[in-house]
């Protein structure tokens, strides 16, 4: 997602969570917490992808199939 899309999404989430009368400090803290969760989710996704690639690289050759073998 682009930063603008993320910012818009966080803004909407803030408004739904706190309403329109939210103070600037609360809004900032909430935004930083959500961004932290996004960074954590991305890091976990990258870690899982690395684990999957490592498992594929260690798999015996006969367990890996090419598209031509599947037909």
PDB file of N, CA and C in Angstrom:
ATOM      1  N   UNK A   1       0.828  -1.184   0.000  1.00  0.00           N
ATOM      2  CA  UNK A   1       0.000   0.000   0.000  1.00  0.00           C
ATOM      3  C   UNK A   1       0.872   1.247   0.000  1.00  0.00           C
ATOM      4  N   UNK A   2       0.373   2.251  -0.632  1.00  0.00           N
ATOM      5  CA  UNK A   2       1.088   3.511  -0.608  1.00  0.00           C
ATOM      6  C   UNK A   2       0.877   4.186   0.740  1.00  0.00           C
ATOM      7  N   UNK A   3       1.804   5.061   1.091  1.00  0.00           N
ATOM      8  CA  UNK A   3       1.701   5.752   2.376  1.00  0.00           C
ATOM      9  C   UNK A   3       0.423   6.568   2.484  1.00  0.00           C
ATOM     10  N   UNK A   4      -0.008   7.178   1.379  1.00  0.00           N
ATOM     11  CA  UNK A   4      -1.235   7.980   1.399  1.00  0.00           C
ATOM     12  C   UNK A   4      -2.439   7.103   1.717  1.00  0.00           C
ATOM     13  N   UNK A   5      -2.496   5.913   1.134  1.00  0.00           N
ATOM     14  CA  UNK A   5      -3.594   4.995   1.409  1.00  0.00           C
ATOM     15  C   UNK A   5      -3.587   4.552   2.860  1.00  0.00           C
ATOM     16  N   UNK A   6      -2.399   4.265   3.384  1.00  0.00           N
ATOM     17  CA  UNK A   6      -2.284   3.859   4.779  1.00  0.00           C
ATOM     18  C   UNK A   6      -2.697   5.006   5.689  1.00  0.00           C
ATOM     19  N   UNK A   7      -2.242   6.210   5.371  1.00  0.00           N
ATOM     20  CA  UNK A   7      -2.611   7.372   6.182  1.00  0.00           C
ATOM     21  C   UNK A   7      -4.121   7.599   6.181  1.00  0.00           C
ATOM     22  N   UNK A   8      -4.741   7.465   5.014  1.00  0.00           N
ATOM     23  CA  UNK A   8      -6.192   7.628   4.926  1.00  0.00           C
ATOM     24  C   UNK A   8      -6.911   6.552   5.725  1.00  0.00           C
ATOM     25  N   UNK A   9      -6.442   5.334   5.633  1.00  0.00           N
ATOM     26  CA  UNK A   9      -7.043   4.229   6.368  1.00  0.00           C
ATOM     27  C   UNK A   9      -6.913   4.440   7.880  1.00  0.00           C
ATOM     28  N   UNK A  10      -5.750   4.872   8.324  1.00  0.00           N
ATOM     29  CA  UNK A  10      -5.540   5.134   9.751  1.00  0.00           C
ATOM     30  C   UNK A  10      -6.420   6.297  10.205  1.00  0.00           C
ATOM     31  N   UNK A  11      -6.552   7.302   9.376  1.00  0.00           N
ATOM     32  CA  UNK A  11      -7.417   8.442   9.703  1.00  0.00           C
ATOM     33  C   UNK A  11      -8.867   7.982   9.888  1.00  0.00           C
ATOM     34  N   UNK A  12      -9.347   7.158   8.988  1.00  0.00           N
ATOM     35  CA  UNK A  12     -10.712   6.632   9.101  1.00  0.00           C
ATOM     36  C   UNK A  12     -10.855   5.765  10.345  1.00  0.00           C
ATOM     37  N   UNK A  13      -9.861   4.928  10.602  1.00  0.00           N
ATOM     38  CA  UNK A  13      -9.888   4.062  11.778  1.00  0.00           C
ATOM     39  C   UNK A  13      -9.884   4.897  13.067  1.00  0.00           C
ATOM     40  N   UNK A  14      -9.112   5.960  13.081  1.00  0.00           N
ATOM     41  CA  UNK A  14      -9.076   6.857  14.240  1.00  0.00           C
ATOM     42  C   UNK A  14     -10.436   7.495  14.469  1.00  0.00           C
ATOM     43  N   UNK A  15     -11.051   7.968  13.390  1.00  0.00           N
ATOM     44  CA  UNK A  15     -12.364   8.606  13.508  1.00  0.00           C
ATOM     45  C   UNK A  15     -13.427   7.629  13.988  1.00  0.00           C
ATOM     46  N   UNK A  16     -13.369   6.401  13.510  1.00  0.00           N
ATOM     47  CA  UNK A  16     -14.336   5.397  13.944  1.00  0.00           C
ATOM     48  C   UNK A  16     -14.105   5.032  15.401  1.00  0.00           C
ATOM     49  N   UNK A  17     -12.843   4.942  15.803  1.00  0.00           N
ATOM     50  CA  UNK A  17     -12.508   4.529  17.163  1.00  0.00           C
ATOM     51  C   UNK A  17     -12.770   5.636  18.186  1.00  0.00           C
ATOM     52  N   UNK A  18     -12.318   6.854  17.888  1.00  0.00           N
ATOM     53  CA  UNK A  18     -12.383   7.942  18.859  1.00  0.00           C
ATOM     54  C   UNK A  18     -13.464   8.975  18.561  1.00  0.00           C
ATOM     55  N   UNK A  19     -14.007   8.986  17.366  1.00  0.00           N
ATOM     56  CA  UNK A  19     -14.942  10.038  16.986  1.00  0.00           C
ATOM     57  C   UNK A  19     -14.182  11.253  16.480  1.00  0.00           C
ATOM     58  N   UNK A  20     -14.905  12.292  16.193  1.00  0.00           N
ATOM     59  CA  UNK A  20     -14.267  13.472  15.592  1.00  0.00           C
ATOM     60  C   UNK A  20     -13.598  14.376  16.628  1.00  0.00           C
ATOM     61  N   UNK A  21     -13.883  14.195  17.908  1.00  0.00           N
ATOM     62  CA  UNK A  21     -13.319  15.065  18.936  1.00  0.00           C
ATOM     63  C   UNK A  21     -12.043  14.548  19.551  1.00  0.00           C
ATOM     64  N   UNK A  22     -11.210  13.895  18.786  1.00  0.00           N
ATOM     65  CA  UNK A  22      -9.975  13.331  19.323  1.00  0.00           C
ATOM     66  C   UNK A  22      -8.892  14.404  19.380  1.00  0.00           C
ATOM     67  N   UNK A  23      -8.102  14.390  20.455  1.00  0.00           N
ATOM     68  CA  UNK A  23      -6.996  15.335  20.589  1.00  0.00           C
ATOM     69  C   UNK A  23      -5.838  14.907  19.694  1.00  0.00           C
ATOM     70  N   UNK A  24      -5.005  15.864  19.344  1.00  0.00           N
ATOM     71  CA  UNK A  24      -3.888  15.612  18.433  1.00  0.00           C
ATOM     72  C   UNK A  24      -2.922  14.573  19.006  1.00  0.00           C
ATOM     73  N   UNK A  25      -2.676  14.620  20.306  1.00  0.00           N
ATOM     74  CA  UNK A  25      -1.741  13.675  20.923  1.00  0.00           C
ATOM     75  C   UNK A  25      -2.290  12.251  20.860  1.00  0.00           C
ATOM     76  N   UNK A  26      -3.574  12.083  21.206  1.00  0.00           N
ATOM     77  CA  UNK A  26      -4.186  10.753  21.133  1.00  0.00           C
ATOM     78  C   UNK A  26      -4.166  10.219  19.709  1.00  0.00           C
ATOM     79  N   UNK A  27      -4.440  11.101  18.771  1.00  0.00           N
ATOM     80  CA  UNK A  27      -4.433  10.712  17.362  1.00  0.00           C
ATOM     81  C   UNK A  27      -3.042  10.246  16.939  1.00  0.00           C
ATOM     82  N   UNK A  28      -2.016  10.978  17.365  1.00  0.00           N
ATOM     83  CA  UNK A  28      -0.635  10.633  17.019  1.00  0.00           C
ATOM     84  C   UNK A  28      -0.241   9.289  17.627  1.00  0.00           C
ATOM     85  N   UNK A  29      -0.572   9.089  18.899  1.00  0.00           N
ATOM     86  CA  UNK A  29      -0.224   7.840  19.584  1.00  0.00           C
ATOM     87  C   UNK A  29      -0.926   6.665  18.908  1.00  0.00           C
ATOM     88  N   UNK A  30      -2.194   6.838  18.572  1.00  0.00           N
ATOM     89  CA  UNK A  30      -2.950   5.773  17.907  1.00  0.00           C
ATOM     90  C   UNK A  30      -2.342   5.454  16.550  1.00  0.00           C
ATOM     91  N   UNK A  31      -1.999   6.490  15.781  1.00  0.00           N
ATOM     92  CA  UNK A  31      -1.403   6.288  14.462  1.00  0.00           C
ATOM     93  C   UNK A  31      -0.085   5.532  14.573  1.00  0.00           C
ATOM     94  N   UNK A  32       0.762   5.912  15.528  1.00  0.00           N
ATOM     95  CA  UNK A  32       2.049   5.236  15.690  1.00  0.00           C
ATOM     96  C   UNK A  32       1.862   3.782  16.120  1.00  0.00           C
ATOM     97  N   UNK A  33       0.843   3.506  16.943  1.00  0.00           N
ATOM     98  CA  UNK A  33       0.577   2.128  17.353  1.00  0.00           C
ATOM     99  C   UNK A  33       0.145   1.288  16.156  1.00  0.00           C
ATOM    100  N   UNK A  34      -0.720   1.839  15.323  1.00  0.00           N
ATOM    101  CA  UNK A  34      -1.177   1.108  14.137  1.00  0.00           C
ATOM    102  C   UNK A  34      -0.015   0.888  13.175  1.00  0.00           C
ATOM    103  N   UNK A  35       0.805   1.898  12.972  1.00  0.00           N
ATOM    104  CA  UNK A  35       1.970   1.742  12.091  1.00  0.00           C
ATOM    105  C   UNK A  35       2.930   0.686  12.634  1.00  0.00           C
ATOM    106  N   UNK A  36       3.073   0.617  13.951  1.00  0.00           N
ATOM    107  CA  UNK A  36       3.902  -0.422  14.560  1.00  0.00           C
ATOM    108  C   UNK A  36       3.356  -1.814  14.279  1.00  0.00           C
ATOM    109  N   UNK A  37       2.039  -1.960  14.349  1.00  0.00           N
ATOM    110  CA  UNK A  37       1.420  -3.245  14.033  1.00  0.00           C
ATOM    111  C   UNK A  37       1.613  -3.612  12.565  1.00  0.00           C
ATOM    112  N   UNK A  38       1.538  -2.615  11.693  1.00  0.00           N
ATOM    113  CA  UNK A  38       1.747  -2.859  10.266  1.00  0.00           C
ATOM    114  C   UNK A  38       3.188  -3.329  10.022  1.00  0.00           C
ATOM    115  N   UNK A  39       4.150  -2.655  10.659  1.00  0.00           N
ATOM    116  CA  UNK A  39       5.553  -3.055  10.505  1.00  0.00           C
ATOM    117  C   UNK A  39       5.784  -4.467  11.031  1.00  0.00           C
ATOM    118  N   UNK A  40       5.166  -4.790  12.151  1.00  0.00           N
ATOM    119  CA  UNK A  40       5.305  -6.132  12.717  1.00  0.00           C
ATOM    120  C   UNK A  40       4.721  -7.178  11.777  1.00  0.00           C
ATOM    121  N   UNK A  41       3.548  -6.902  11.211  1.00  0.00           N
ATOM    122  CA  UNK A  41       2.926  -7.847  10.283  1.00  0.00           C
ATOM    123  C   UNK A  41       3.787  -8.054   9.040  1.00  0.00           C
ATOM    124  N   UNK A  42       4.367  -6.980   8.534  1.00  0.00           N
ATOM    125  CA  UNK A  42       5.249  -7.098   7.367  1.00  0.00           C
ATOM    126  C   UNK A  42       6.489  -7.923   7.698  1.00  0.00           C
ATOM    127  N   UNK A  43       7.074  -7.675   8.855  1.00  0.00           N
ATOM    128  CA  UNK A  43       8.268  -8.422   9.259  1.00  0.00           C
ATOM    129  C   UNK A  43       7.954  -9.910   9.416  1.00  0.00           C
ATOM    130  N   UNK A  44       6.794 -10.217   9.999  1.00  0.00           N
ATOM    131  CA  UNK A  44       6.403 -11.617  10.148  1.00  0.00           C
ATOM    132  C   UNK A  44       6.158 -12.269   8.790  1.00  0.00           C
ATOM    133  N   UNK A  45       5.576 -11.521   7.873  1.00  0.00           N
ATOM    134  CA  UNK A  45       5.329 -12.051   6.532  1.00  0.00           C
ATOM    135  C   UNK A  45       6.648 -12.346   5.821  1.00  0.00           C
ATOM    136  N   UNK A  46       7.595 -11.444   5.918  1.00  0.00           N
ATOM    137  CA  UNK A  46       8.905 -11.660   5.295  1.00  0.00           C
ATOM    138  C   UNK A  46       9.602 -12.855   5.931  1.00  0.00           C
ATOM    139  N   UNK A  47       9.532 -12.964   7.269  1.00  0.00           N
ATOM    140  CA  UNK A  47      10.130 -14.109   7.959  1.00  0.00           C
ATOM    141  C   UNK A  47       9.517 -15.419   7.473  1.00  0.00           C
ATOM    142  N   UNK A  48       8.192 -15.456   7.348  1.00  0.00           N
ATOM    143  CA  UNK A  48       7.519 -16.668   6.883  1.00  0.00           C
ATOM    144  C   UNK A  48       7.920 -17.018   5.453  1.00  0.00           C
ATOM    145  N   UNK A  49       8.084 -16.003   4.612  1.00  0.00           N
ATOM    146  CA  UNK A  49       8.508 -16.253   3.236  1.00  0.00           C
ATOM    147  C   UNK A  49       9.926 -16.823   3.212  1.00  0.00           C
ATOM    148  N   UNK A  50      10.808 -16.293   4.049  1.00  0.00           N
ATOM    149  CA  UNK A  50      12.181 -16.803   4.113  1.00  0.00           C
ATOM    150  C   UNK A  50      12.199 -18.251   4.589  1.00  0.00           C
ATOM    151  N   UNK A  51      11.361 -18.578   5.559  1.00  0.00           N
ATOM    152  CA  UNK A  51      11.279 -19.955   6.049  1.00  0.00           C
ATOM    153  C   UNK A  51      10.781 -20.877   4.940  1.00  0.00           C
ATOM    154  N   UNK A  52       9.755 -20.431   4.202  1.00  0.00           N
ATOM    155  CA  UNK A  52       9.226 -21.242   3.102  1.00  0.00           C
ATOM    156  C   UNK A  52      10.282 -21.492   2.033  1.00  0.00           C
ATOM    157  N   UNK A  53      11.043 -20.457   1.681  1.00  0.00           N
ATOM    158  CA  UNK A  53      12.092 -20.600   0.671  1.00  0.00           C
ATOM    159  C   UNK A  53      13.174 -21.547   1.173  1.00  0.00           C
ATOM    160  N   UNK A  54      13.548 -21.417   2.445  1.00  0.00           N
ATOM    161  CA  UNK A  54      14.576 -22.293   3.003  1.00  0.00           C
ATOM    162  C   UNK A  54      14.115 -23.751   2.985  1.00  0.00           C
ATOM    163  N   UNK A  55      12.834 -23.986   3.293  1.00  0.00           N
ATOM    164  CA  UNK A  55      12.307 -25.347   3.255  1.00  0.00           C
ATOM    165  C   UNK A  55      12.301 -25.896   1.832  1.00  0.00           C
ATOM    166  N   UNK A  56      11.966 -25.055   0.867  1.00  0.00           N
ATOM    167  CA  UNK A  56      11.986 -25.497  -0.529  1.00  0.00           C
ATOM    168  C   UNK A  56      13.399 -25.819  -0.993  1.00  0.00           C
ATOM    169  N   UNK A  57      14.360 -25.027  -0.541  1.00  0.00           N
ATOM    170  CA  UNK A  57      15.743 -25.259  -0.956  1.00  0.00           C
ATOM    171  C   UNK A  57      16.292 -26.549  -0.359  1.00  0.00           C
ATOM    172  N   UNK A  58      15.762 -26.973   0.774  1.00  0.00           N
ATOM    173  CA  UNK A  58      16.230 -28.201   1.425  1.00  0.00           C
ATOM    174  C   UNK A  58      15.434 -29.431   1.003  1.00  0.00           C
ATOM    175  N   UNK A  59      14.357 -29.239   0.249  1.00  0.00           N
ATOM    176  CA  UNK A  59      13.513 -30.374  -0.157  1.00  0.00           C
ATOM    177  C   UNK A  59      14.267 -31.239  -1.165  1.00  0.00           C
ATOM    178  N   UNK A  60      14.095 -32.552  -1.074  1.00  0.00           N
ATOM    179  CA  UNK A  60      14.722 -33.435  -2.062  1.00  0.00           C
ATOM    180  C   UNK A  60      14.240 -33.086  -3.474  1.00  0.00           C
ATOM    181  N   UNK A  61      15.114 -33.255  -4.433  1.00  0.00           N
ATOM    182  CA  UNK A  61      14.800 -32.873  -5.815  1.00  0.00           C
ATOM    183  C   UNK A  61      13.556 -33.593  -6.336  1.00  0.00           C
ATOM    184  N   UNK A  62      13.370 -34.846  -5.977  1.00  0.00           N
ATOM    185  CA  UNK A  62      12.239 -35.603  -6.505  1.00  0.00           C
ATOM    186  C   UNK A  62      10.900 -35.117  -5.934  1.00  0.00           C
ATOM    187  N   UNK A  63      10.928 -34.348  -4.853  1.00  0.00           N
ATOM    188  CA  UNK A  63       9.696 -33.791  -4.300  1.00  0.00           C
ATOM    189  C   UNK A  63       9.258 -32.520  -5.011  1.00  0.00           C
ATOM    190  N   UNK A  64      10.165 -31.906  -5.750  1.00  0.00           N
ATOM    191  CA  UNK A  64       9.850 -30.688  -6.485  1.00  0.00           C
ATOM    192  C   UNK A  64       9.417 -31.049  -7.899  1.00  0.00           C
ATOM    193  N   UNK A  65       8.317 -30.500  -8.337  1.00  0.00           N
ATOM    194  CA  UNK A  65       7.779 -30.818  -9.657  1.00  0.00           C
ATOM    195  C   UNK A  65       7.783 -29.580 -10.536  1.00  0.00           C
ATOM    196  N   UNK A  66       8.063 -29.781 -11.793  1.00  0.00           N
ATOM    197  CA  UNK A  66       7.941 -28.689 -12.739  1.00  0.00           C
ATOM    198  C   UNK A  66       6.535 -28.705 -13.317  1.00  0.00           C
ATOM    199  N   UNK A  67       6.165 -27.626 -13.972  1.00  0.00           N
ATOM    200  CA  UNK A  67       4.812 -27.557 -14.543  1.00  0.00           C
ATOM    201  C   UNK A  67       4.587 -28.642 -15.608  1.00  0.00           C
ATOM    202  N   UNK A  68       5.630 -28.984 -16.335  1.00  0.00           N
ATOM    203  CA  UNK A  68       5.475 -30.000 -17.386  1.00  0.00           C
ATOM    204  C   UNK A  68       5.189 -31.385 -16.786  1.00  0.00           C
ATOM    205  N   UNK A  69       5.676 -31.654 -15.585  1.00  0.00           N
ATOM    206  CA  UNK A  69       5.441 -32.934 -14.942  1.00  0.00           C
ATOM    207  C   UNK A  69       4.034 -33.067 -14.389  1.00  0.00           C
ATOM    208  N   UNK A  70       3.385 -31.952 -14.119  1.00  0.00           N
ATOM    209  CA  UNK A  70       2.054 -31.964 -13.518  1.00  0.00           C
ATOM    210  C   UNK A  70       1.006 -32.353 -14.543  1.00  0.00           C
ATOM    211  N   UNK A  71       1.204 -31.960 -15.804  1.00  0.00           N
ATOM    212  CA  UNK A  71       0.208 -32.238 -16.858  1.00  0.00           C
ATOM    213  C   UNK A  71       0.067 -33.672 -17.084  1.00  0.00           C
TER     214      UNK A  71
END
